[in-house]
C-alpha cells in the first residue's frame, strides 16, 4: 500500500472515530433545549410559538372585519346583505374564539 492511500485511510478513520451518532445529536439537542427551557417558562415558549403561527390568521380575520365594515357602510340599507354580513361576522367570531384570539374593538 502506498503512502497516499495510507494517509487517506488514516484521515478517514480519524474522521469516522469523531463523527457524532444520531443519539449523540439527540442528547446535545435535549441538553440545549433543557437549558433553554430553564431560562424560559415552557408555557411562555408555547404561547410565543402559537402567537407566531396565529398572527397571519389574526391579520386575515382583522382584514375581513374591516372589509365587512366597509360593505356594511355602503350597503347597510339592504336587508339581505346585512344579514349575510352578520352571519359572516358570527363565523369570524367563532373562528377567533376557537383560536383564542381576543377581539380588539377600535376606538
N, C-alpha and C. Protein backbone atom coordinates (compact mmCIF):
# COMPACT_ATOMS: atom_id res chain seq x y z
N UNK A 1 0.86 -1.17 0.00
CA UNK A 1 0.00 0.00 0.00
C UNK A 1 0.91 1.24 0.00
N UNK A 2 0.60 2.17 -0.89
CA UNK A 2 1.45 3.36 -0.94
C UNK A 2 1.09 4.35 0.16
N UNK A 3 1.96 5.29 0.35
CA UNK A 3 1.82 6.24 1.46
C UNK A 3 0.57 7.11 1.31
N UNK A 4 0.20 7.50 0.10
CA UNK A 4 -1.00 8.32 -0.11
C UNK A 4 -2.25 7.58 0.35
N UNK A 5 -2.35 6.31 -0.01
CA UNK A 5 -3.51 5.51 0.39
C UNK A 5 -3.55 5.36 1.91
N UNK A 6 -2.39 5.14 2.53
CA UNK A 6 -2.32 5.03 3.99
C UNK A 6 -2.79 6.34 4.65
N UNK A 7 -2.35 7.46 4.11
CA UNK A 7 -2.74 8.77 4.65
C UNK A 7 -4.26 8.99 4.53
N UNK A 8 -4.79 8.61 3.39
CA UNK A 8 -6.23 8.75 3.17
C UNK A 8 -7.01 7.89 4.15
N UNK A 9 -6.62 6.63 4.30
CA UNK A 9 -7.30 5.73 5.23
C UNK A 9 -7.18 6.23 6.66
N UNK A 10 -6.03 6.72 7.01
CA UNK A 10 -5.83 7.25 8.35
C UNK A 10 -6.74 8.46 8.60
N UNK A 11 -6.85 9.34 7.62
CA UNK A 11 -7.71 10.52 7.73
C UNK A 11 -9.17 10.12 7.83
N UNK A 12 -9.60 9.18 6.99
CA UNK A 12 -10.99 8.71 7.03
C UNK A 12 -11.31 8.09 8.38
N UNK A 13 -10.42 7.26 8.89
CA UNK A 13 -10.63 6.64 10.21
C UNK A 13 -10.66 7.69 11.32
N UNK A 14 -9.80 8.69 11.21
CA UNK A 14 -9.79 9.77 12.19
C UNK A 14 -11.16 10.48 12.21
N UNK A 15 -11.68 10.82 11.03
CA UNK A 15 -12.98 11.50 10.93
C UNK A 15 -14.09 10.58 11.43
N UNK A 16 -14.05 9.33 11.01
CA UNK A 16 -15.08 8.36 11.39
C UNK A 16 -15.15 8.19 12.91
N UNK A 17 -14.01 8.16 13.56
CA UNK A 17 -13.97 7.98 15.01
C UNK A 17 -14.57 9.17 15.75
N UNK A 18 -14.55 10.32 15.13
CA UNK A 18 -15.04 11.53 15.80
C UNK A 18 -16.44 11.97 15.35
N UNK A 19 -17.03 11.22 14.47
CA UNK A 19 -18.39 11.56 13.99
C UNK A 19 -19.41 11.30 15.09
N UNK A 20 -20.42 12.17 15.14
CA UNK A 20 -21.49 12.01 16.12
C UNK A 20 -22.54 11.04 15.60
N UNK A 21 -23.07 10.25 16.50
CA UNK A 21 -24.16 9.36 16.13
C UNK A 21 -25.47 10.13 16.27
N UNK A 22 -26.56 9.57 15.79
CA UNK A 22 -27.88 10.19 15.96
C UNK A 22 -28.18 10.40 17.44
N UNK A 23 -27.83 9.42 18.24
CA UNK A 23 -28.07 9.53 19.68
C UNK A 23 -27.26 10.67 20.29
N UNK A 24 -26.02 10.84 19.82
CA UNK A 24 -25.20 11.96 20.31
C UNK A 24 -25.86 13.29 19.98
N UNK A 25 -26.36 13.41 18.75
CA UNK A 25 -27.03 14.64 18.32
C UNK A 25 -28.29 14.87 19.15
N UNK A 26 -29.09 13.83 19.35
CA UNK A 26 -30.30 13.95 20.17
C UNK A 26 -29.97 14.41 21.59
N UNK A 27 -28.91 13.83 22.17
CA UNK A 27 -28.51 14.22 23.52
C UNK A 27 -28.12 15.69 23.59
N UNK A 28 -27.39 16.15 22.58
CA UNK A 28 -26.99 17.56 22.54
C UNK A 28 -28.21 18.46 22.42
N UNK A 29 -29.13 18.10 21.53
CA UNK A 29 -30.34 18.90 21.35
C UNK A 29 -31.15 18.92 22.64
N UNK A 30 -31.34 17.77 23.27
CA UNK A 30 -32.07 17.70 24.54
C UNK A 30 -31.42 18.60 25.59
N UNK A 31 -30.11 18.52 25.67
CA UNK A 31 -29.39 19.33 26.65
C UNK A 31 -29.59 20.82 26.39
N UNK A 32 -29.50 21.21 25.13
CA UNK A 32 -29.68 22.62 24.78
C UNK A 32 -31.11 23.07 25.06
N UNK A 33 -32.09 22.24 24.70
CA UNK A 33 -33.49 22.60 24.94
C UNK A 33 -33.78 22.69 26.43
N UNK A 34 -33.22 21.77 27.19
CA UNK A 34 -33.42 21.79 28.63
C UNK A 34 -32.84 23.06 29.23
N UNK A 35 -31.64 23.42 28.77
CA UNK A 35 -31.01 24.65 29.26
C UNK A 35 -31.85 25.86 28.88
N UNK A 36 -32.35 25.87 27.64
CA UNK A 36 -33.19 26.98 27.18
C UNK A 36 -34.49 27.01 27.97
N UNK A 37 -35.06 25.85 28.21
CA UNK A 37 -36.35 25.78 28.92
C UNK A 37 -36.20 26.26 30.36
N UNK A 38 -35.05 26.04 30.95
CA UNK A 38 -34.87 26.53 32.32
C UNK A 38 -34.79 28.04 32.35
N UNK A 39 -34.38 28.63 31.24
CA UNK A 39 -34.30 30.08 31.18
C UNK A 39 -35.67 30.71 30.93
N UNK A 40 -36.54 29.98 30.28
CA UNK A 40 -37.87 30.49 29.96
C UNK A 40 -38.91 29.48 30.40
N UNK A 41 -40.00 29.97 30.83
CA UNK A 41 -41.10 29.10 31.20
C UNK A 41 -41.63 28.41 29.94
N UNK A 42 -41.80 27.09 30.01
CA UNK A 42 -42.26 26.34 28.84
C UNK A 42 -43.59 26.87 28.32
N UNK A 43 -44.45 27.28 29.22
CA UNK A 43 -45.74 27.82 28.80
C UNK A 43 -45.54 29.06 27.94
N UNK A 44 -44.61 29.88 28.33
CA UNK A 44 -44.31 31.09 27.58
C UNK A 44 -43.79 30.74 26.18
N UNK A 45 -42.95 29.71 26.11
CA UNK A 45 -42.41 29.27 24.82
C UNK A 45 -43.54 28.83 23.91
N UNK A 46 -44.45 28.01 24.44
CA UNK A 46 -45.58 27.52 23.65
C UNK A 46 -46.45 28.68 23.19
N UNK A 47 -46.70 29.63 24.09
CA UNK A 47 -47.51 30.79 23.73
C UNK A 47 -46.86 31.62 22.64
N UNK A 48 -45.54 31.79 22.72
CA UNK A 48 -44.83 32.55 21.70
C UNK A 48 -44.93 31.88 20.34
N UNK A 49 -44.77 30.57 20.31
CA UNK A 49 -44.86 29.83 19.05
C UNK A 49 -46.29 29.92 18.51
N UNK A 50 -47.28 29.73 19.38
CA UNK A 50 -48.67 29.80 18.95
C UNK A 50 -49.00 31.19 18.42
N UNK A 51 -48.54 32.23 19.13
CA UNK A 51 -48.78 33.60 18.67
C UNK A 51 -48.19 33.83 17.30
N UNK A 52 -46.99 33.32 17.10
CA UNK A 52 -46.32 33.49 15.81
C UNK A 52 -47.11 32.80 14.69
N UNK A 53 -47.62 31.61 14.98
CA UNK A 53 -48.36 30.86 13.96
C UNK A 53 -49.74 31.47 13.71
N UNK A 54 -50.35 32.06 14.76
CA UNK A 54 -51.70 32.61 14.63
C UNK A 54 -51.71 34.04 14.09
N UNK A 55 -50.58 34.71 14.12
CA UNK A 55 -50.52 36.11 13.70
C UNK A 55 -51.08 36.32 12.28
N UNK A 56 -50.70 35.52 11.28
CA UNK A 56 -51.26 35.73 9.94
C UNK A 56 -52.78 35.50 9.89
N UNK A 57 -53.25 34.53 10.65
CA UNK A 57 -54.69 34.25 10.69
C UNK A 57 -55.41 35.43 11.32
N UNK A 58 -54.86 35.94 12.40
CA UNK A 58 -55.45 37.10 13.07
C UNK A 58 -55.49 38.29 12.13
N UNK A 59 -54.42 38.51 11.38
CA UNK A 59 -54.38 39.62 10.43
C UNK A 59 -55.45 39.44 9.35
N UNK A 60 -55.63 38.23 8.87
CA UNK A 60 -56.66 37.97 7.86
C UNK A 60 -58.05 38.23 8.40
N UNK A 61 -58.30 37.77 9.61
CA UNK A 61 -59.62 37.99 10.21
C UNK A 61 -59.87 39.47 10.45
N UNK A 62 -58.85 40.21 10.85
CA UNK A 62 -58.98 41.65 11.03
C UNK A 62 -59.31 42.32 9.71
N UNK A 63 -58.63 41.88 8.65
CA UNK A 63 -58.90 42.43 7.32
C UNK A 63 -60.32 42.12 6.87
N UNK A 64 -60.79 40.91 7.13
CA UNK A 64 -62.16 40.53 6.78
C UNK A 64 -63.15 41.43 7.51
N UNK A 65 -62.92 41.64 8.80
CA UNK A 65 -63.80 42.52 9.58
C UNK A 65 -63.80 43.94 9.02
N UNK A 66 -62.63 44.45 8.65
CA UNK A 66 -62.54 45.80 8.09
C UNK A 66 -63.32 45.89 6.78
N UNK A 67 -63.16 44.89 5.94
CA UNK A 67 -63.87 44.89 4.66
C UNK A 67 -65.38 44.77 4.87
N UNK A 68 -65.78 43.98 5.85
CA UNK A 68 -67.21 43.87 6.15
C UNK A 68 -67.77 45.20 6.65
N UNK A 69 -66.99 45.92 7.43
CA UNK A 69 -67.42 47.25 7.88
C UNK A 69 -67.66 48.17 6.69
N UNK A 70 -66.75 48.13 5.72
CA UNK A 70 -66.89 48.96 4.53
C UNK A 70 -68.13 48.59 3.74
N UNK A 71 -68.34 47.29 3.56
CA UNK A 71 -69.53 46.82 2.83
C UNK A 71 -70.78 47.24 3.57
N UNK A 72 -70.76 47.09 4.88
CA UNK A 72 -71.94 47.44 5.67
C UNK A 72 -72.23 48.93 5.57
N UNK A 73 -71.19 49.76 5.54
CA UNK A 73 -71.38 51.21 5.40
C UNK A 73 -72.04 51.55 4.07
N UNK A 74 -71.60 50.88 3.02
CA UNK A 74 -72.12 51.19 1.68
C UNK A 74 -73.49 50.57 1.40
N UNK A 75 -73.72 49.40 1.97
CA UNK A 75 -74.94 48.68 1.64
C UNK A 75 -75.77 48.34 2.87
N UNK A 76 -75.62 49.12 3.90
CA UNK A 76 -76.30 48.86 5.17
C UNK A 76 -77.82 48.84 5.07
N UNK A 77 -78.36 49.53 4.07
CA UNK A 77 -79.81 49.58 3.95
C UNK A 77 -80.40 48.38 3.21
N UNK A 78 -79.56 47.50 2.73
CA UNK A 78 -80.06 46.31 2.04
C UNK A 78 -80.16 45.17 3.04
N UNK A 79 -81.39 44.76 3.33
CA UNK A 79 -81.65 43.80 4.40
C UNK A 79 -80.90 42.47 4.21
N UNK A 80 -80.91 41.92 3.03
CA UNK A 80 -80.26 40.63 2.78
C UNK A 80 -78.75 40.69 2.97
N UNK A 81 -78.15 41.78 2.54
CA UNK A 81 -76.70 41.92 2.64
C UNK A 81 -76.28 42.02 4.10
N UNK A 82 -77.00 42.83 4.88
CA UNK A 82 -76.63 42.97 6.29
C UNK A 82 -76.79 41.67 7.04
N UNK A 83 -77.80 40.88 6.64
CA UNK A 83 -77.97 39.58 7.28
C UNK A 83 -76.78 38.68 6.97
N UNK A 84 -76.32 38.68 5.73
CA UNK A 84 -75.16 37.87 5.35
C UNK A 84 -73.91 38.36 6.07
N UNK A 85 -73.79 39.67 6.20
CA UNK A 85 -72.64 40.23 6.91
C UNK A 85 -72.66 39.78 8.36
N UNK A 86 -73.83 39.82 8.99
CA UNK A 86 -73.94 39.38 10.37
C UNK A 86 -73.57 37.90 10.51
N UNK A 87 -73.98 37.09 9.54
CA UNK A 87 -73.65 35.66 9.58
C UNK A 87 -72.15 35.44 9.43
N UNK A 88 -71.53 36.21 8.53
CA UNK A 88 -70.08 36.08 8.32
C UNK A 88 -69.35 36.54 9.58
N UNK A 89 -69.81 37.65 10.18
CA UNK A 89 -69.19 38.12 11.43
C UNK A 89 -69.29 37.06 12.52
N UNK A 90 -70.43 36.39 12.60
CA UNK A 90 -70.60 35.33 13.60
C UNK A 90 -69.60 34.21 13.35
N UNK A 91 -69.39 33.87 12.08
CA UNK A 91 -68.41 32.83 11.75
C UNK A 91 -66.99 33.28 12.13
N UNK A 92 -66.67 34.54 11.85
CA UNK A 92 -65.35 35.07 12.20
C UNK A 92 -65.17 35.04 13.71
N UNK A 93 -66.20 35.46 14.47
CA UNK A 93 -66.11 35.42 15.94
C UNK A 93 -65.91 33.99 16.44
N UNK A 94 -66.61 33.03 15.81
CA UNK A 94 -66.45 31.63 16.21
C UNK A 94 -65.02 31.15 15.95
N UNK A 95 -64.45 31.55 14.82
CA UNK A 95 -63.07 31.17 14.50
C UNK A 95 -62.12 31.82 15.51
N UNK A 96 -62.35 33.10 15.80
CA UNK A 96 -61.50 33.79 16.76
C UNK A 96 -61.58 33.13 18.13
N UNK A 97 -62.79 32.78 18.55
CA UNK A 97 -62.97 32.14 19.85
C UNK A 97 -62.25 30.79 19.88
N UNK A 98 -62.39 30.02 18.80
CA UNK A 98 -61.77 28.70 18.71
C UNK A 98 -60.24 28.83 18.78
N UNK A 99 -59.70 29.89 18.15
CA UNK A 99 -58.26 30.08 18.13
C UNK A 99 -57.76 30.83 19.36
N UNK A 100 -58.68 31.29 20.19
CA UNK A 100 -58.29 32.01 21.40
C UNK A 100 -57.80 33.42 21.13
N UNK A 101 -58.29 34.00 20.04
CA UNK A 101 -57.89 35.37 19.68
C UNK A 101 -58.89 36.34 20.31
N UNK A 102 -58.34 37.30 21.06
CA UNK A 102 -59.21 38.30 21.67
C UNK A 102 -59.61 39.33 20.64
N UNK A 103 -60.85 39.74 20.68
CA UNK A 103 -61.32 40.79 19.78
C UNK A 103 -60.88 42.13 20.34
N UNK A 104 -60.33 42.94 19.50
CA UNK A 104 -59.93 44.28 19.91
C UNK A 104 -60.86 45.27 19.22
N UNK A 105 -61.56 46.04 20.01
CA UNK A 105 -62.51 47.00 19.48
C UNK A 105 -61.77 48.31 19.23
N UNK A 106 -61.87 48.79 17.99
CA UNK A 106 -61.20 50.03 17.63
C UNK A 106 -61.90 51.20 18.29
N UNK A 107 -61.11 52.15 18.75
CA UNK A 107 -61.69 53.32 19.43
C UNK A 107 -62.08 54.37 18.45
